[in-house]
């Protein structure tokens, strides 16, 4: 069964980053779904969050 990782995790499959689609047995898929790590294969992962750092000011004073 193909499932998509909702959260990154390390298991018997190795390290699985968020958004990765993996092929596991039905029993393993049910176990991973129960703990909230994966969703059905056709589900989409949330887009990565944008960088919220404020831009550098244009009139920044020079270091002396």
Protein backbone atom coordinates (compact mmCIF):
# COMPACT_ATOMS: atom_id res chain seq x y z
CA UNK A 1 0.00 0.00 0.00
CA UNK A 2 1.35 3.44 -0.90
CA UNK A 3 1.19 6.06 1.85
CA UNK A 4 2.55 9.60 2.20
CA UNK A 5 4.42 10.73 5.31
CA UNK A 6 2.66 13.58 7.12
CA UNK A 7 5.50 13.93 9.63
CA UNK A 8 9.14 12.87 9.30
CA UNK A 9 9.94 9.69 11.19
CA UNK A 10 12.52 6.93 11.53
CA UNK A 11 11.23 3.37 11.47
CA UNK A 12 11.90 0.00 9.92
CA UNK A 13 11.76 1.77 6.54
CA UNK A 14 14.69 4.00 7.57
CA UNK A 15 14.39 7.80 7.77
CA UNK A 16 11.26 9.00 5.97
CA UNK A 17 11.04 12.80 5.45
CA UNK A 18 7.69 14.60 5.38
CA UNK A 19 5.92 14.43 2.03
CA UNK A 20 7.68 11.24 0.90
CA UNK A 21 5.55 8.48 -0.60
CA UNK A 22 6.53 4.99 0.57
CA UNK A 23 5.23 1.50 -0.17
CA UNK A 24 4.48 -0.56 2.97
CA UNK A 25 2.34 -3.55 3.90
CA UNK A 26 -1.31 -2.99 4.81
CA UNK A 27 -0.58 -3.86 8.44
CA UNK A 28 2.32 -1.38 8.67
CA UNK A 29 0.24 1.31 6.92
CA UNK A 30 -2.57 0.86 9.47
CA UNK A 31 -0.07 1.13 12.33
CA UNK A 32 1.52 4.30 10.93
CA UNK A 33 -1.92 5.86 10.29
CA UNK A 34 -3.00 5.06 13.85
CA UNK A 35 -0.10 7.08 15.29
CA UNK A 36 -0.65 9.93 12.79
CA UNK A 37 2.55 9.64 10.76
CA UNK A 38 1.10 8.86 7.33
CA UNK A 39 -1.98 9.38 5.16
CA UNK A 40 -3.29 7.56 2.09
CA UNK A 41 -1.03 7.80 -0.95
CA UNK A 42 -3.16 10.40 -2.74
CA UNK A 43 -3.00 12.91 0.15
CA UNK A 44 -0.79 15.97 -0.25
CA UNK A 45 1.65 17.20 2.36
CA UNK A 46 1.36 20.77 3.61
CA UNK A 47 3.54 23.26 1.71
CA UNK A 48 6.69 24.36 3.53
CA UNK A 49 6.28 27.52 5.58
CA UNK A 50 7.88 30.66 4.14
CA UNK A 51 10.79 32.36 5.87
CA UNK A 52 9.30 34.99 8.18
CA UNK A 53 12.54 36.87 8.86
CA UNK A 54 12.18 40.61 8.35
CA UNK A 55 14.17 41.98 5.40
CA UNK A 56 17.39 43.86 6.12
CA UNK A 57 16.78 47.64 6.26
CA UNK A 58 18.12 49.74 3.35
CA UNK A 59 19.39 52.54 5.61
CA UNK A 60 21.44 50.36 7.94
CA UNK A 61 24.28 52.26 9.61
CA UNK A 62 27.85 51.24 8.81
CA UNK A 63 30.05 49.59 11.44
CA UNK A 64 32.84 51.89 12.65
